[in-house]
């Protein structure tokens, strides 16, 4: 299994799920470039990063993601 990447608040990050290393608070970022903020629960600055690495080519809109086309 690949090692989980860790990122610090203030860094520019891409889409993915971010989990606070101290309290476990998790959230998702959908923007391609966004500044990572301190954890809103405990003010920790370090997160485990689970980037979105696969996007189906037939999913083009948020509506497609909710109702994916049949393969």
PDB file of N, CA and C in Angstrom:
ATOM      1  N   UNK A   1       0.846  -1.187   0.000  1.00  0.00           N
ATOM      2  CA  UNK A   1       0.000   0.000   0.000  1.00  0.00           C
ATOM      3  C   UNK A   1       0.882   1.238   0.000  1.00  0.00           C
ATOM      4  N   UNK A   2       0.518   2.238  -0.765  1.00  0.00           N
ATOM      5  CA  UNK A   2       1.305   3.463  -0.858  1.00  0.00           C
ATOM      6  C   UNK A   2       1.235   4.240   0.453  1.00  0.00           C
ATOM      7  N   UNK A   3       2.333   4.915   0.760  1.00  0.00           N
ATOM      8  CA  UNK A   3       2.357   5.725   1.974  1.00  0.00           C
ATOM      9  C   UNK A   3       1.448   6.936   1.788  1.00  0.00           C
ATOM     10  N   UNK A   4       0.719   7.269   2.845  1.00  0.00           N
ATOM     11  CA  UNK A   4      -0.202   8.393   2.782  1.00  0.00           C
ATOM     12  C   UNK A   4       0.601   9.687   2.845  1.00  0.00           C
ATOM     13  N   UNK A   5       0.301  10.597   1.931  1.00  0.00           N
ATOM     14  CA  UNK A   5       0.998  11.877   1.897  1.00  0.00           C
ATOM     15  C   UNK A   5       0.465  12.777   3.018  1.00  0.00           C
ATOM     16  N   UNK A   6       1.357  13.527   3.651  1.00  0.00           N
ATOM     17  CA  UNK A   6       0.937  14.488   4.671  1.00  0.00           C
ATOM     18  C   UNK A   6       1.174  15.895   4.134  1.00  0.00           C
ATOM     19  N   UNK A   7       0.226  16.773   4.409  1.00  0.00           N
ATOM     20  CA  UNK A   7       0.327  18.166   3.973  1.00  0.00           C
ATOM     21  C   UNK A   7       0.083  19.081   5.163  1.00  0.00           C
ATOM     22  N   UNK A   8       0.609  20.299   5.069  1.00  0.00           N
ATOM     23  CA  UNK A   8       0.503  21.270   6.155  1.00  0.00           C
ATOM     24  C   UNK A   8      -0.438  22.388   5.729  1.00  0.00           C
ATOM     25  N   UNK A   9      -1.166  22.950   6.694  1.00  0.00           N
ATOM     26  CA  UNK A   9      -2.076  24.040   6.352  1.00  0.00           C
ATOM     27  C   UNK A   9      -1.283  25.179   5.736  1.00  0.00           C
ATOM     28  N   UNK A  10      -1.914  25.911   4.839  1.00  0.00           N
ATOM     29  CA  UNK A  10      -1.261  26.995   4.115  1.00  0.00           C
ATOM     30  C   UNK A  10      -0.759  26.556   2.752  1.00  0.00           C
ATOM     31  N   UNK A  11      -0.624  25.238   2.536  1.00  0.00           N
ATOM     32  CA  UNK A  11      -0.179  24.745   1.243  1.00  0.00           C
ATOM     33  C   UNK A  11      -1.332  24.772   0.244  1.00  0.00           C
ATOM     34  N   UNK A  12      -0.982  24.957  -1.037  1.00  0.00           N
ATOM     35  CA  UNK A  12      -1.982  24.853  -2.096  1.00  0.00           C
ATOM     36  C   UNK A  12      -2.194  23.373  -2.364  1.00  0.00           C
ATOM     37  N   UNK A  13      -3.441  22.949  -2.302  1.00  0.00           N
ATOM     38  CA  UNK A  13      -3.747  21.532  -2.498  1.00  0.00           C
ATOM     39  C   UNK A  13      -4.781  21.368  -3.601  1.00  0.00           C
ATOM     40  N   UNK A  14      -4.892  20.158  -4.096  1.00  0.00           N
ATOM     41  CA  UNK A  14      -5.858  19.851  -5.138  1.00  0.00           C
ATOM     42  C   UNK A  14      -7.009  19.027  -4.590  1.00  0.00           C
ATOM     43  N   UNK A  15      -7.860  18.529  -5.471  1.00  0.00           N
ATOM     44  CA  UNK A  15      -9.021  17.764  -5.047  1.00  0.00           C
ATOM     45  C   UNK A  15      -8.629  16.512  -4.271  1.00  0.00           C
ATOM     46  N   UNK A  16      -9.417  16.220  -3.252  1.00  0.00           N
ATOM     47  CA  UNK A  16      -9.173  15.020  -2.474  1.00  0.00           C
ATOM     48  C   UNK A  16      -9.790  15.110  -1.093  1.00  0.00           C
ATOM     49  N   UNK A  17      -9.520  14.077  -0.286  1.00  0.00           N
ATOM     50  CA  UNK A  17     -10.016  14.041   1.087  1.00  0.00           C
ATOM     51  C   UNK A  17      -8.840  14.321   2.011  1.00  0.00           C
ATOM     52  N   UNK A  18      -9.072  15.147   3.024  1.00  0.00           N
ATOM     53  CA  UNK A  18      -8.036  15.536   3.971  1.00  0.00           C
ATOM     54  C   UNK A  18      -8.501  15.179   5.378  1.00  0.00           C
ATOM     55  N   UNK A  19      -7.623  14.500   6.134  1.00  0.00           N
ATOM     56  CA  UNK A  19      -7.961  14.026   7.476  1.00  0.00           C
ATOM     57  C   UNK A  19      -6.938  14.586   8.455  1.00  0.00           C
ATOM     58  N   UNK A  20      -7.422  15.280   9.494  1.00  0.00           N
ATOM     59  CA  UNK A  20      -6.554  15.858  10.517  1.00  0.00           C
ATOM     60  C   UNK A  20      -5.801  14.743  11.239  1.00  0.00           C
ATOM     61  N   UNK A  21      -4.481  14.904  11.419  1.00  0.00           N
ATOM     62  CA  UNK A  21      -3.700  13.858  12.068  1.00  0.00           C
ATOM     63  C   UNK A  21      -3.941  13.816  13.578  1.00  0.00           C
ATOM     64  N   UNK A  22      -4.432  14.902  14.181  1.00  0.00           N
ATOM     65  CA  UNK A  22      -4.679  14.928  15.624  1.00  0.00           C
ATOM     66  C   UNK A  22      -6.063  14.416  16.009  1.00  0.00           C
ATOM     67  N   UNK A  23      -7.121  15.008  15.431  1.00  0.00           N
ATOM     68  CA  UNK A  23      -8.477  14.673  15.898  1.00  0.00           C
ATOM     69  C   UNK A  23      -9.271  13.811  14.920  1.00  0.00           C
ATOM     70  N   UNK A  24      -8.767  13.629  13.688  1.00  0.00           N
ATOM     71  CA  UNK A  24      -9.463  12.780  12.728  1.00  0.00           C
ATOM     72  C   UNK A  24     -10.554  13.479  11.936  1.00  0.00           C
ATOM     73  N   UNK A  25     -10.714  14.810  12.132  1.00  0.00           N
ATOM     74  CA  UNK A  25     -11.715  15.569  11.370  1.00  0.00           C
ATOM     75  C   UNK A  25     -11.380  15.440   9.889  1.00  0.00           C
ATOM     76  N   UNK A  26     -12.384  15.144   9.068  1.00  0.00           N
ATOM     77  CA  UNK A  26     -12.112  15.016   7.636  1.00  0.00           C
ATOM     78  C   UNK A  26     -13.060  15.859   6.813  1.00  0.00           C
ATOM     79  N   UNK A  27     -12.541  16.306   5.676  1.00  0.00           N
ATOM     80  CA  UNK A  27     -13.346  17.090   4.739  1.00  0.00           C
ATOM     81  C   UNK A  27     -12.789  16.867   3.345  1.00  0.00           C
ATOM     82  N   UNK A  28     -13.576  17.255   2.360  1.00  0.00           N
ATOM     83  CA  UNK A  28     -13.150  17.101   0.976  1.00  0.00           C
ATOM     84  C   UNK A  28     -12.988  18.456   0.327  1.00  0.00           C
ATOM     85  N   UNK A  29     -12.027  18.530  -0.583  1.00  0.00           N
ATOM     86  CA  UNK A  29     -11.814  19.733  -1.390  1.00  0.00           C
ATOM     87  C   UNK A  29     -12.054  19.319  -2.831  1.00  0.00           C
ATOM     88  N   UNK A  30     -12.849  20.113  -3.526  1.00  0.00           N
ATOM     89  CA  UNK A  30     -13.150  19.804  -4.920  1.00  0.00           C
ATOM     90  C   UNK A  30     -12.466  20.758  -5.890  1.00  0.00           C
ATOM     91  N   UNK A  31     -11.972  21.899  -5.398  1.00  0.00           N
ATOM     92  CA  UNK A  31     -11.302  22.871  -6.265  1.00  0.00           C
ATOM     93  C   UNK A  31      -9.920  22.356  -6.643  1.00  0.00           C
ATOM     94  N   UNK A  32      -9.425  22.806  -7.799  1.00  0.00           N
ATOM     95  CA  UNK A  32      -8.112  22.349  -8.237  1.00  0.00           C
ATOM     96  C   UNK A  32      -6.987  22.993  -7.443  1.00  0.00           C
ATOM     97  N   UNK A  33      -7.140  24.223  -7.013  1.00  0.00           N
ATOM     98  CA  UNK A  33      -6.119  24.849  -6.171  1.00  0.00           C
ATOM     99  C   UNK A  33      -6.791  25.632  -5.071  1.00  0.00           C
ATOM    100  N   UNK A  34      -6.561  25.217  -3.847  1.00  0.00           N
ATOM    101  CA  UNK A  34      -7.161  25.892  -2.705  1.00  0.00           C
ATOM    102  C   UNK A  34      -6.162  25.844  -1.563  1.00  0.00           C
ATOM    103  N   UNK A  35      -6.090  26.912  -0.766  1.00  0.00           N
ATOM    104  CA  UNK A  35      -5.217  26.904   0.400  1.00  0.00           C
ATOM    105  C   UNK A  35      -5.835  26.025   1.476  1.00  0.00           C
ATOM    106  N   UNK A  36      -5.018  25.162   2.050  1.00  0.00           N
ATOM    107  CA  UNK A  36      -5.473  24.300   3.133  1.00  0.00           C
ATOM    108  C   UNK A  36      -5.481  25.113   4.422  1.00  0.00           C
ATOM    109  N   UNK A  37      -6.597  25.068   5.159  1.00  0.00           N
ATOM    110  CA  UNK A  37      -6.699  25.847   6.396  1.00  0.00           C
ATOM    111  C   UNK A  37      -6.438  24.962   7.608  1.00  0.00           C
ATOM    112  N   UNK A  38      -6.209  25.586   8.752  1.00  0.00           N
ATOM    113  CA  UNK A  38      -6.036  24.824   9.987  1.00  0.00           C
ATOM    114  C   UNK A  38      -7.328  24.076  10.285  1.00  0.00           C
ATOM    115  N   UNK A  39      -7.212  22.977  11.006  1.00  0.00           N
ATOM    116  CA  UNK A  39      -8.379  22.177  11.363  1.00  0.00           C
ATOM    117  C   UNK A  39      -9.367  23.028  12.162  1.00  0.00           C
ATOM    118  N   UNK A  40     -10.634  23.073  11.742  1.00  0.00           N
ATOM    119  CA  UNK A  40     -11.625  23.885  12.456  1.00  0.00           C
ATOM    120  C   UNK A  40     -11.969  23.333  13.848  1.00  0.00           C
ATOM    121  N   UNK A  41     -11.636  22.070  14.112  1.00  0.00           N
ATOM    122  CA  UNK A  41     -11.954  21.496  15.420  1.00  0.00           C
ATOM    123  C   UNK A  41     -10.834  21.678  16.437  1.00  0.00           C
ATOM    124  N   UNK A  42      -9.579  21.442  16.018  1.00  0.00           N
ATOM    125  CA  UNK A  42      -8.498  21.452  17.002  1.00  0.00           C
ATOM    126  C   UNK A  42      -7.334  22.365  16.634  1.00  0.00           C
ATOM    127  N   UNK A  43      -7.417  23.057  15.509  1.00  0.00           N
ATOM    128  CA  UNK A  43      -6.389  23.993  15.036  1.00  0.00           C
ATOM    129  C   UNK A  43      -5.070  23.315  14.652  1.00  0.00           C
ATOM    130  N   UNK A  44      -5.082  22.002  14.481  1.00  0.00           N
ATOM    131  CA  UNK A  44      -3.895  21.288  14.012  1.00  0.00           C
ATOM    132  C   UNK A  44      -3.584  21.752  12.592  1.00  0.00           C
ATOM    133  N   UNK A  45      -2.316  21.684  12.218  1.00  0.00           N
ATOM    134  CA  UNK A  45      -1.920  22.140  10.886  1.00  0.00           C
ATOM    135  C   UNK A  45      -1.504  21.016   9.956  1.00  0.00           C
ATOM    136  N   UNK A  46      -1.575  19.763  10.407  1.00  0.00           N
ATOM    137  CA  UNK A  46      -1.144  18.652   9.557  1.00  0.00           C
ATOM    138  C   UNK A  46      -2.327  17.744   9.206  1.00  0.00           C
ATOM    139  N   UNK A  47      -2.346  17.342   7.938  1.00  0.00           N
ATOM    140  CA  UNK A  47      -3.416  16.473   7.443  1.00  0.00           C
ATOM    141  C   UNK A  47      -2.823  15.312   6.671  1.00  0.00           C
ATOM    142  N   UNK A  48      -3.543  14.191   6.686  1.00  0.00           N
ATOM    143  CA  UNK A  48      -3.254  13.118   5.753  1.00  0.00           C
ATOM    144  C   UNK A  48      -4.042  13.442   4.492  1.00  0.00           C
ATOM    145  N   UNK A  49      -3.418  13.245   3.353  1.00  0.00           N
ATOM    146  CA  UNK A  49      -4.030  13.605   2.075  1.00  0.00           C
ATOM    147  C   UNK A  49      -4.357  12.341   1.288  1.00  0.00           C
ATOM    148  N   UNK A  50      -5.611  12.258   0.836  1.00  0.00           N
ATOM    149  CA  UNK A  50      -6.052  11.164  -0.019  1.00  0.00           C
ATOM    150  C   UNK A  50      -6.512  11.803  -1.332  1.00  0.00           C
ATOM    151  N   UNK A  51      -5.589  12.040  -2.266  1.00  0.00           N
ATOM    152  CA  UNK A  51      -5.954  12.763  -3.492  1.00  0.00           C
ATOM    153  C   UNK A  51      -6.909  11.978  -4.369  1.00  0.00           C
ATOM    154  N   UNK A  52      -7.699  12.709  -5.121  1.00  0.00           N
ATOM    155  CA  UNK A  52      -8.564  12.091  -6.124  1.00  0.00           C
ATOM    156  C   UNK A  52      -7.674  11.835  -7.337  1.00  0.00           C
ATOM    157  N   UNK A  53      -7.438  10.571  -7.628  1.00  0.00           N
ATOM    158  CA  UNK A  53      -6.486  10.245  -8.696  1.00  0.00           C
ATOM    159  C   UNK A  53      -7.158   9.653  -9.926  1.00  0.00           C
ATOM    160  N   UNK A  54      -8.439   9.384  -9.832  1.00  0.00           N
ATOM    161  CA  UNK A  54      -9.117   8.803 -10.990  1.00  0.00           C
ATOM    162  C   UNK A  54     -10.443   9.516 -11.196  1.00  0.00           C
ATOM    163  N   UNK A  55     -10.657   9.931 -12.403  1.00  0.00           N
ATOM    164  CA  UNK A  55     -11.923  10.552 -12.762  1.00  0.00           C
ATOM    165  C   UNK A  55     -12.374   9.899 -14.061  1.00  0.00           C
ATOM    166  N   UNK A  56     -13.549   9.339 -14.031  1.00  0.00           N
ATOM    167  CA  UNK A  56     -14.057   8.678 -15.234  1.00  0.00           C
ATOM    168  C   UNK A  56     -14.232   9.698 -16.355  1.00  0.00           C
ATOM    169  N   UNK A  57     -13.818   9.359 -17.557  1.00  0.00           N
ATOM    170  CA  UNK A  57     -13.952  10.305 -18.673  1.00  0.00           C
ATOM    171  C   UNK A  57     -15.399  10.616 -19.049  1.00  0.00           C
ATOM    172  N   UNK A  58     -16.341   9.707 -18.685  1.00  0.00           N
ATOM    173  CA  UNK A  58     -17.741   9.955 -19.034  1.00  0.00           C
ATOM    174  C   UNK A  58     -18.467  10.775 -17.961  1.00  0.00           C
ATOM    175  N   UNK A  59     -17.771  11.166 -16.892  1.00  0.00           N
ATOM    176  CA  UNK A  59     -18.351  12.027 -15.855  1.00  0.00           C
ATOM    177  C   UNK A  59     -17.853  13.445 -16.114  1.00  0.00           C
ATOM    178  N   UNK A  60     -18.739  14.284 -16.589  1.00  0.00           N
ATOM    179  CA  UNK A  60     -18.321  15.637 -16.967  1.00  0.00           C
ATOM    180  C   UNK A  60     -18.966  16.726 -16.120  1.00  0.00           C
ATOM    181  N   UNK A  61     -20.069  16.415 -15.444  1.00  0.00           N
ATOM    182  CA  UNK A  61     -20.758  17.419 -14.642  1.00  0.00           C
ATOM    183  C   UNK A  61     -21.078  16.829 -13.266  1.00  0.00           C
ATOM    184  N   UNK A  62     -21.359  17.691 -12.280  1.00  0.00           N
ATOM    185  CA  UNK A  62     -21.778  17.165 -10.971  1.00  0.00           C
ATOM    186  C   UNK A  62     -23.024  16.280 -11.070  1.00  0.00           C
ATOM    187  N   UNK A  63     -23.903  16.597 -12.012  1.00  0.00           N
ATOM    188  CA  UNK A  63     -25.112  15.792 -12.202  1.00  0.00           C
ATOM    189  C   UNK A  63     -24.756  14.381 -12.678  1.00  0.00           C
ATOM    190  N   UNK A  64     -23.739  14.277 -13.555  1.00  0.00           N
ATOM    191  CA  UNK A  64     -23.273  12.955 -14.004  1.00  0.00           C
ATOM    192  C   UNK A  64     -22.750  12.135 -12.828  1.00  0.00           C
ATOM    193  N   UNK A  65     -22.083  12.805 -11.887  1.00  0.00           N
ATOM    194  CA  UNK A  65     -21.518  12.099 -10.729  1.00  0.00           C
ATOM    195  C   UNK A  65     -22.634  11.548  -9.839  1.00  0.00           C
ATOM    196  N   UNK A  66     -23.740  12.285  -9.748  1.00  0.00           N
ATOM    197  CA  UNK A  66     -24.873  11.819  -8.943  1.00  0.00           C
ATOM    198  C   UNK A  66     -25.612  10.673  -9.616  1.00  0.00           C
ATOM    199  N   UNK A  67     -25.675  10.717 -10.948  1.00  0.00           N
ATOM    200  CA  UNK A  67     -26.347   9.682 -11.739  1.00  0.00           C
ATOM    201  C   UNK A  67     -25.392   9.220 -12.827  1.00  0.00           C
ATOM    202  N   UNK A  68     -24.389   8.417 -12.470  1.00  0.00           N
ATOM    203  CA  UNK A  68     -23.378   8.049 -13.473  1.00  0.00           C
ATOM    204  C   UNK A  68     -23.961   7.261 -14.636  1.00  0.00           C
ATOM    205  N   UNK A  69     -23.443   7.551 -15.850  1.00  0.00           N
ATOM    206  CA  UNK A  69     -23.899   6.789 -17.009  1.00  0.00           C
ATOM    207  C   UNK A  69     -23.511   5.318 -16.853  1.00  0.00           C
ATOM    208  N   UNK A  70     -24.340   4.422 -17.405  1.00  0.00           N
ATOM    209  CA  UNK A  70     -24.039   2.990 -17.330  1.00  0.00           C
ATOM    210  C   UNK A  70     -22.796   2.708 -18.169  1.00  0.00           C
ATOM    211  N   UNK A  71     -21.997   1.768 -17.696  1.00  0.00           N
ATOM    212  CA  UNK A  71     -20.783   1.395 -18.449  1.00  0.00           C
ATOM    213  C   UNK A  71     -21.080   0.282 -19.402  1.00  0.00           C
TER     214      UNK A  71
END
